[in-house]
Structures are given as structure tokens and as C-alpha cells.
């Protein structure tokens, strides 16, 4: 399953910031590493949407309950006898949010239906004009004196690679903006493209069987994994997310004798990851990442890093433009 929203329509280029080892690894392997969500930088990554979700659910539940009460005297009497629609829907919304969270992002690894892996990218859209040319200050500060690089990707071609990845491995892939906890409602709705789908699906769901809840799983998962605390907003993050089967789903496939080939999980210092796009071929031709240029971050060794990068590109026979950030930053 692939996201129906094409991010390339609003973000023609995406930036992947990395250090020297990461840069060389990406260029040599032509793949992107995606990290398991429980090892991301934000220790409470999946708590933030769980906090806001009940309040997003509640207005729709109140509206539905009031509609039923207006049409049925028994429902109206029950609502009035139990504290009113607001109180009843507050409790219901809290319970629904908790159930949805556990269904897709259960903190207990053994109980996880899904495992999702994240590659973090950044967008220059909506930022100062110079960001497109010279990069994000927050990212260069992260890499400090040793310096960093920004690999600039053509997002339309990246979506094409995602389709190939999906066809090869049948994984669920999405590419979307990250919303932040201080976003006003209109911005939140524009960044979380699955939020309207989620709220509509909740309103339409009867919650009378696991089958009836299936339409909720993908939109609620997408909302959880594309929502972060406001303090990370300066990163202007866009996420490439691959969703694989978790232990519970793999166990079910095993019992049913169903084959579901997935990318191999690799481990670096105990952190699980997958290598997206690694070894993709069509008619014998290996696909390369759609790198349009590489930006060398500021720092005292910038010229030396540029020289080494150009030598590596010559070795690999890659014709990729290299530019230098002239951001005036002191380390």
C-alpha cells in the first residue's frame, strides 16, 4: 500500500542531512537507512498524538450522539441521565484514543501488529529563500565542527523509487510532512493528510468487530508517525516511512502458512533498521537514488571535505553537482 498523496506536488526537493560516514555509505550502497520508531531521537515520540487525539475525536462523537438523541427519545433520556453528551463523549473519546494507540503503536514489542521504520528528510519549502541553497542552521549545528552534508533528492523520482520498492517487497510506504504539537488546526490538517480520513472513519465505524475497525488502522498509524513535539519544528521534517509486519502479524502469517517477503532487518549497535531501495533493479538495470546535488555544510574543514567528496564521486563515476554552504556559523 502506498500513500495516495504525492508530496512532490508541494515539495519538489527534499534534503537528507548526514555525516561523512553516512554520506559515503549512502553513495556506495545507493540506499537509505530507515530506523525503527522506538529508537528515534524523541524519547516520547508516539505520546504526542495520543494526547491530542481524544480532542480531535470528541466533536464528531458529540455531533453523532446529539443527532441520535434528537431522533430517539430513549437515547435522549439516557444521555441526560448520564451527565450529558459532553461528558459521555469525553470518556468515549479517551477510550477510543487509547485503543487506537495500542492497536498500531503498542510499546510492548511482542504485542506490535506493525513495525515501522523512519528515514528523516527536510524540506526547504516555506522557509527563508537561502535554506534551499545553504541548508538549515539547526542541522549544521547538530554536526558541529566535524561538518555535515545535505543530500538533495528529487522528490518525484523518490516517489517513483517508492513504487518500485512497494512492488518488490509489498511493504506499506508513505512520504509526508510532519505536523507539530503547536500547529493551529488549519496547518495541522494540511500537514496530516490522513487526519480527515481518520476522523471520518471514526465517525462511520460501528466498533462492533475487528473487521469494522480495519479502515482506521492505516490513517491512525500515519497520523501517529507524522506528529511530533513542537520543539522539533525547526527541523521542517518530512518522513519517509516503511511499515512492516510486527511480531503478532508475523505469527499470524506463520500460522496461516502465508508468505510475506519483507526487507531484512539489520542491527547497528542494537538498533534495528532496514535498507530502503537497496539492490532495486528493473530489466537488469540497477536504480540509483535521485540525488540532484550534494551540499557541503559549513565548518573549518569545509574545503577539505569538498575535495574528499569530489574524489569519492570520481571513484564511483557519479556526475553529481557539489555546492558549499556559506552560512556564517561559529562552532
Protein backbone atom coordinates (compact mmCIF):
# COMPACT_ATOMS: atom_id res chain seq x y z
CA UNK A 1 0.00 0.00 0.00
CA UNK A 2 1.34 3.42 -0.98
CA UNK A 3 0.24 6.85 0.18
CA UNK A 4 -2.12 8.41 -2.36
CA UNK A 5 -0.88 11.91 -1.56
CA UNK A 6 2.04 12.94 -3.80
CA UNK A 7 4.35 15.07 -1.71
CA UNK A 8 6.32 16.05 -4.82
CA UNK A 9 3.47 18.38 -5.76
CA UNK A 10 4.34 20.64 -2.83
CA UNK A 11 7.98 19.67 -2.11
CA UNK A 12 9.97 19.23 -5.36
CA UNK A 13 13.20 18.64 -3.44
CA UNK A 14 13.98 17.01 -0.11
CA UNK A 15 17.16 17.23 1.96
CA UNK A 16 18.76 14.36 3.87
CA UNK A 17 21.39 15.61 6.32
CA UNK A 18 24.17 13.22 7.29
CA UNK A 19 27.78 12.98 8.44
CA UNK A 20 30.78 11.81 6.47
CA UNK A 21 30.30 8.10 7.20
CA UNK A 22 26.61 8.27 6.37
CA UNK A 23 27.30 10.13 3.14
CA UNK A 24 29.83 7.58 1.92
CA UNK A 25 27.54 4.71 2.91
CA UNK A 26 24.61 6.19 1.02
CA UNK A 27 26.65 6.90 -2.11
CA UNK A 28 28.23 3.43 -2.20
CA UNK A 29 25.07 1.47 -1.38
CA UNK A 30 22.52 3.74 -3.10
CA UNK A 31 20.06 3.09 -0.30
CA UNK A 32 18.60 4.99 2.63
CA UNK A 33 18.60 3.62 6.16
CA UNK A 34 15.27 3.66 7.95
CA UNK A 35 15.35 3.38 11.75
CA UNK A 36 12.82 1.59 13.98
CA UNK A 37 10.45 4.12 15.55
CA UNK A 38 11.32 3.16 19.13
CA UNK A 39 14.90 4.39 18.57
CA UNK A 40 14.13 7.86 17.20
CA UNK A 41 15.57 10.98 18.85
CA UNK A 42 12.34 11.95 20.60
CA UNK A 43 12.06 9.52 23.53
CA UNK A 44 8.28 10.08 23.75
CA UNK A 45 7.72 10.18 20.01
CA UNK A 46 4.38 8.38 19.96
CA UNK A 47 2.91 10.01 23.06
CA UNK A 48 2.27 13.38 21.45
CA UNK A 49 -0.52 12.42 19.05
CA UNK A 50 -2.08 10.23 21.75
CA UNK A 51 -2.52 13.40 23.84
CA UNK A 52 -4.29 15.38 21.12
CA UNK A 53 -6.29 12.53 19.56
CA UNK A 54 -9.19 12.45 22.10
CA UNK A 55 -9.92 16.13 21.47
CA UNK A 56 -9.88 15.54 17.72
CA UNK A 57 -12.31 12.62 18.08
CA UNK A 58 -14.69 14.25 20.55
CA UNK A 59 -16.52 16.87 18.37
CA UNK A 60 -17.60 14.22 15.86
CA UNK A 61 -18.81 11.87 18.59
CA UNK A 62 -20.82 14.67 20.22
CA UNK A 63 -22.41 15.54 16.89
CA UNK A 64 -23.40 11.93 16.24
CA UNK A 65 -24.76 11.42 19.74
CA UNK A 66 -26.82 14.62 19.58
CA UNK A 67 -28.24 13.55 16.19
CA UNK A 68 -29.33 10.22 17.65
CA UNK A 69 -30.75 11.88 20.74
CA UNK A 70 -32.80 14.24 18.61
CA UNK A 71 -34.32 11.27 16.76
CA UNK A 72 -34.80 8.86 19.67
CA UNK A 73 -36.40 9.77 22.99
CA UNK A 74 -34.81 6.79 24.77
CA UNK A 75 -31.33 7.88 23.67
CA UNK A 76 -32.10 11.44 24.74
CA UNK A 77 -33.20 10.28 28.21
CA UNK A 78 -30.11 8.08 28.56
CA UNK A 79 -27.82 10.98 27.63
CA UNK A 80 -29.46 13.33 30.11
CA UNK A 81 -29.36 10.71 32.88
CA UNK A 82 -25.63 10.13 32.40
CA UNK A 83 -24.26 13.63 32.56
CA UNK A 84 -24.89 14.88 29.02
CA UNK A 85 -23.27 14.42 25.64
CA UNK A 86 -20.06 16.27 26.52
CA UNK A 87 -19.21 14.05 29.49
CA UNK A 88 -20.20 10.84 27.74
CA UNK A 89 -18.19 11.66 24.63
CA UNK A 90 -15.18 12.75 26.67
CA UNK A 91 -14.98 9.29 28.23
CA UNK A 92 -15.65 7.57 24.91
CA UNK A 93 -13.01 9.63 23.09
CA UNK A 94 -10.37 8.85 25.71
CA UNK A 95 -11.14 5.13 25.44
CA UNK A 96 -11.11 5.14 21.63
CA UNK A 97 -7.81 7.01 21.53
CA UNK A 98 -6.18 4.54 23.91
CA UNK A 99 -7.47 1.55 21.92
CA UNK A 100 -6.27 3.04 18.63
CA UNK A 101 -2.84 3.80 20.07
CA UNK A 102 -2.38 0.24 21.32
CA UNK A 103 -3.57 -1.20 18.03
CA UNK A 104 -0.87 0.46 15.93
CA UNK A 105 1.92 1.68 18.23
CA UNK A 106 1.88 -0.69 21.18
CA UNK A 107 5.00 -0.02 23.29
CA UNK A 108 5.35 -3.75 24.02
CA UNK A 109 7.37 -5.18 21.09
CA UNK A 110 5.80 -8.64 21.47
CA UNK A 111 2.32 -7.17 21.00
CA UNK A 112 3.04 -4.98 17.98
CA UNK A 113 0.93 -5.61 14.90
CA UNK A 114 3.16 -3.30 12.86
CA UNK A 115 6.78 -2.22 12.97
CA UNK A 116 7.58 0.98 11.19
CA UNK A 117 10.92 2.38 10.13
CA UNK A 118 11.62 6.06 9.52
CA UNK A 119 14.00 7.97 7.26
CA UNK A 120 14.09 11.66 8.18
CA UNK A 121 14.22 14.26 5.43
CA UNK A 122 13.77 18.04 5.49
CA UNK A 123 12.03 20.50 3.21
CA UNK A 124 13.07 24.00 2.24
CA UNK A 125 9.51 24.92 1.23
CA UNK A 126 8.07 27.70 3.35
CA UNK A 127 11.47 28.58 4.83
CA UNK A 128 13.73 31.51 4.05
CA UNK A 129 14.93 31.55 0.44
CA UNK A 130 18.53 30.86 1.48
CA UNK A 131 17.67 27.50 3.04
CA UNK A 132 17.31 25.92 -0.40
CA UNK A 133 20.87 26.98 -1.26
CA UNK A 134 22.67 26.84 2.07
CA UNK A 135 20.73 24.41 4.26
CA UNK A 136 19.18 24.54 7.72
CA UNK A 137 21.12 26.11 10.59
CA UNK A 138 19.71 23.58 13.10
CA UNK A 139 21.07 20.69 11.07
CA UNK A 140 24.55 22.16 10.61
CA UNK A 141 24.75 22.85 14.35
CA UNK A 142 23.96 19.21 15.05
CA UNK A 143 27.05 18.05 13.13
CA UNK A 144 29.27 20.69 14.73
CA UNK A 145 32.93 21.17 13.85
CA UNK A 146 33.23 17.84 12.05
CA UNK A 147 30.77 19.17 9.48
CA UNK A 148 27.79 17.64 7.76
CA UNK A 149 26.36 17.21 4.30
CA UNK A 150 22.92 17.58 2.76
CA UNK A 151 21.98 15.11 0.04
CA UNK A 152 19.32 16.80 -2.07
CA UNK A 153 16.80 14.40 -3.62
CA UNK A 154 14.30 14.86 -6.43
CA UNK A 155 11.06 14.01 -4.63
CA UNK A 156 9.17 13.00 -7.79
CA UNK A 157 11.84 10.42 -8.63
CA UNK A 158 11.92 9.37 -4.98
CA UNK A 159 8.21 8.56 -5.21
CA UNK A 160 8.97 6.50 -8.31
CA UNK A 161 11.55 4.52 -6.32
CA UNK A 162 8.97 4.03 -3.58
CA UNK A 163 6.62 2.40 -6.10
CA UNK A 164 9.40 0.03 -7.16
CA UNK A 165 10.16 -0.77 -3.51
CA UNK A 166 6.48 -1.48 -2.87
CA UNK A 167 6.21 -3.75 -5.92
CA UNK A 168 9.29 -5.70 -4.84
CA UNK A 169 8.57 -6.10 -1.13
CA UNK A 170 4.83 -5.35 -0.69
CA UNK A 171 5.62 -3.04 2.21
CA UNK A 172 3.47 -0.07 3.16
CA UNK A 173 5.25 3.16 2.24
CA UNK A 174 4.39 6.78 2.82
CA UNK A 175 6.10 10.12 2.35
CA UNK A 176 4.59 13.01 4.26
CA UNK A 177 5.04 16.21 6.20
CA UNK A 178 5.48 16.11 9.95
CA UNK A 179 2.94 18.11 11.97
CA UNK A 180 3.90 19.66 15.29
CA UNK A 181 2.03 19.92 18.57
CA UNK A 182 1.67 23.70 18.39
CA UNK A 183 0.31 23.73 14.84
CA UNK A 184 -3.02 25.59 14.52
CA UNK A 185 -5.93 23.45 13.20
CA UNK A 186 -5.63 24.58 9.58
CA UNK A 187 -1.88 23.80 9.47
CA UNK A 188 -2.40 20.50 11.28
CA UNK A 189 -4.98 19.46 8.71
CA UNK A 190 -2.73 20.40 5.79
CA UNK A 191 0.30 18.53 7.15
CA UNK A 192 -1.53 15.41 8.34
CA UNK A 193 -3.20 14.42 5.07
CA UNK A 194 -4.68 11.30 6.72
CA UNK A 195 -6.34 13.20 9.58
CA UNK A 196 -9.64 13.92 7.74
CA UNK A 197 -9.76 10.26 6.66
CA UNK A 198 -9.19 9.13 10.25
CA UNK A 199 -11.89 11.35 11.73
CA UNK A 200 -14.40 10.38 9.04
CA UNK A 201 -13.61 6.69 9.52
CA UNK A 202 -14.11 7.00 13.29
CA UNK A 203 -17.50 8.65 12.77
CA UNK A 204 -18.55 5.90 10.35
CA UNK A 205 -17.20 2.97 12.38
CA UNK A 206 -19.65 0.83 14.38
CA UNK A 207 -16.88 -0.61 16.59
CA UNK A 208 -18.76 -3.91 16.71
CA UNK A 209 -15.98 -6.14 15.36
CA UNK A 210 -12.30 -6.13 14.47
CA UNK A 211 -13.35 -6.12 10.80
CA UNK A 212 -15.26 -2.86 11.22
CA UNK A 213 -12.14 -1.21 12.69
CA UNK A 214 -9.79 -2.15 9.83
CA UNK A 215 -10.36 1.11 7.88
CA UNK A 216 -9.00 3.01 10.90
CA UNK A 217 -5.62 1.28 11.06
CA UNK A 218 -3.74 2.97 8.22
CA UNK A 219 -4.90 6.57 8.82
CA UNK A 220 -4.34 6.37 12.58
CA UNK A 221 -0.87 4.91 12.01
CA UNK A 222 0.01 7.68 9.55
CA UNK A 223 -1.15 10.36 11.97
CA UNK A 224 0.80 8.92 14.89
CA UNK A 225 4.06 8.64 12.99
CA UNK A 226 3.84 12.09 11.36
CA UNK A 227 3.24 14.09 14.56
CA UNK A 228 5.96 15.46 16.85
CA UNK A 229 6.53 17.80 19.76
CA UNK A 230 6.68 21.50 18.84
CA UNK A 231 10.36 21.81 19.91
CA UNK A 232 11.40 19.90 16.77
CA UNK A 233 9.56 22.24 14.38
CA UNK A 234 12.72 24.00 13.21
CA UNK A 235 13.77 20.75 11.51
CA UNK A 236 10.96 21.13 8.94
CA UNK A 237 10.83 17.36 8.77
CA UNK A 238 9.36 15.19 6.06
CA UNK A 239 9.22 11.47 6.81
CA UNK A 240 9.69 8.50 4.57
CA UNK A 241 8.08 5.63 6.46
CA UNK A 242 8.10 1.90 5.74
CA UNK A 243 5.60 -0.22 7.67
CA UNK A 244 6.47 -3.89 8.11
CA UNK A 245 4.64 -6.64 9.94
CA UNK A 246 5.20 -6.73 13.67
CA UNK A 247 5.63 -9.90 15.78
CA UNK A 248 1.88 -10.50 16.15
CA UNK A 249 1.25 -10.20 12.40
CA UNK A 250 4.26 -12.37 11.53
CA UNK A 251 2.98 -15.00 13.94
CA UNK A 252 -0.43 -14.90 12.24
CA UNK A 253 1.15 -15.30 8.79
CA UNK A 254 3.17 -18.24 10.07
CA UNK A 255 0.06 -19.97 11.46
CA UNK A 256 -1.79 -19.42 8.18
CA UNK A 257 1.18 -20.51 6.10
CA UNK A 258 1.17 -17.18 4.30
CA UNK A 259 4.39 -15.98 2.70
CA UNK A 260 5.04 -12.27 3.09
CA UNK A 261 8.58 -11.36 1.94
CA UNK A 262 9.99 -8.32 3.71
CA UNK A 263 13.24 -6.43 3.75
CA UNK A 264 15.83 -7.87 6.10
CA UNK A 265 16.18 -6.13 9.43
CA UNK A 266 19.76 -5.05 10.14
CA UNK A 267 21.17 -4.09 13.54
CA UNK A 268 23.70 -1.35 14.26
CA UNK A 269 24.66 -1.11 17.93
CA UNK A 270 21.44 -2.94 18.72
CA UNK A 271 19.25 -0.51 16.76
CA UNK A 272 17.02 -2.19 14.13
CA UNK A 273 16.89 -0.67 10.68
CA UNK A 274 16.10 -1.58 7.08
CA UNK A 275 17.89 -0.51 3.91
CA UNK A 276 15.36 1.06 1.59
CA UNK A 277 15.87 0.74 -2.19
CA UNK A 278 18.92 -1.50 -1.77
CA UNK A 279 19.54 -3.57 -4.90
CA UNK A 280 16.41 -2.48 -6.79
CA UNK A 281 16.61 -3.48 -10.43
CA UNK A 282 14.29 -3.32 -13.42
CA UNK A 283 15.18 -5.30 -16.56
CA UNK A 284 18.69 -5.81 -15.22
CA UNK A 285 19.33 -2.13 -14.56
CA UNK A 286 20.11 -1.06 -11.02
CA UNK A 287 18.30 2.05 -9.94
CA UNK A 288 20.18 4.88 -8.25
CA UNK A 289 18.96 7.37 -5.72
CA UNK A 290 17.69 10.56 -7.41
CA UNK A 291 20.41 12.83 -5.99
CA UNK A 292 20.35 16.21 -7.73
CA UNK A 293 23.22 17.78 -5.73
CA UNK A 294 25.19 17.48 -2.50
CA UNK A 295 25.64 20.44 -0.19
CA UNK A 296 28.78 20.59 1.96
CA UNK A 297 27.96 22.11 5.33
CA UNK A 298 29.89 24.97 6.94
CA UNK A 299 32.84 24.38 9.23
CA UNK A 300 36.62 24.84 9.42
CA UNK A 301 37.28 21.77 7.23
CA UNK A 302 34.72 22.58 4.55
CA UNK A 303 37.18 22.81 1.63
CA UNK A 304 38.93 19.61 2.69
CA UNK A 305 35.57 17.82 2.90
CA UNK A 306 34.63 19.14 -0.53
CA UNK A 307 37.87 17.76 -2.01
CA UNK A 308 37.32 14.32 -0.47
CA UNK A 309 33.71 14.27 -1.65
CA UNK A 310 34.66 15.10 -5.22
CA UNK A 311 37.30 12.35 -5.14
CA UNK A 312 34.68 9.85 -3.93
CA UNK A 313 32.25 10.89 -6.67
CA UNK A 314 35.02 10.45 -9.27
CA UNK A 315 35.80 6.99 -7.88
CA UNK A 316 32.13 5.98 -8.12
CA UNK A 317 31.76 7.70 -11.51
CA UNK A 318 28.83 9.78 -10.32
CA UNK A 319 28.20 13.11 -12.01
CA UNK A 320 26.58 14.90 -9.08
CA UNK A 321 26.96 18.67 -8.55
CA UNK A 322 28.62 19.76 -5.29
CA UNK A 323 27.93 23.12 -3.66
CA UNK A 324 29.14 24.78 -0.46
CA UNK A 325 27.02 26.35 2.23
CA UNK A 326 28.30 29.82 3.08
CA UNK A 327 26.23 30.05 6.25
CA UNK A 328 28.14 32.27 8.74
CA UNK A 329 28.13 29.95 11.73
CA UNK A 330 30.70 29.80 14.52
CA UNK A 331 31.38 26.45 16.21
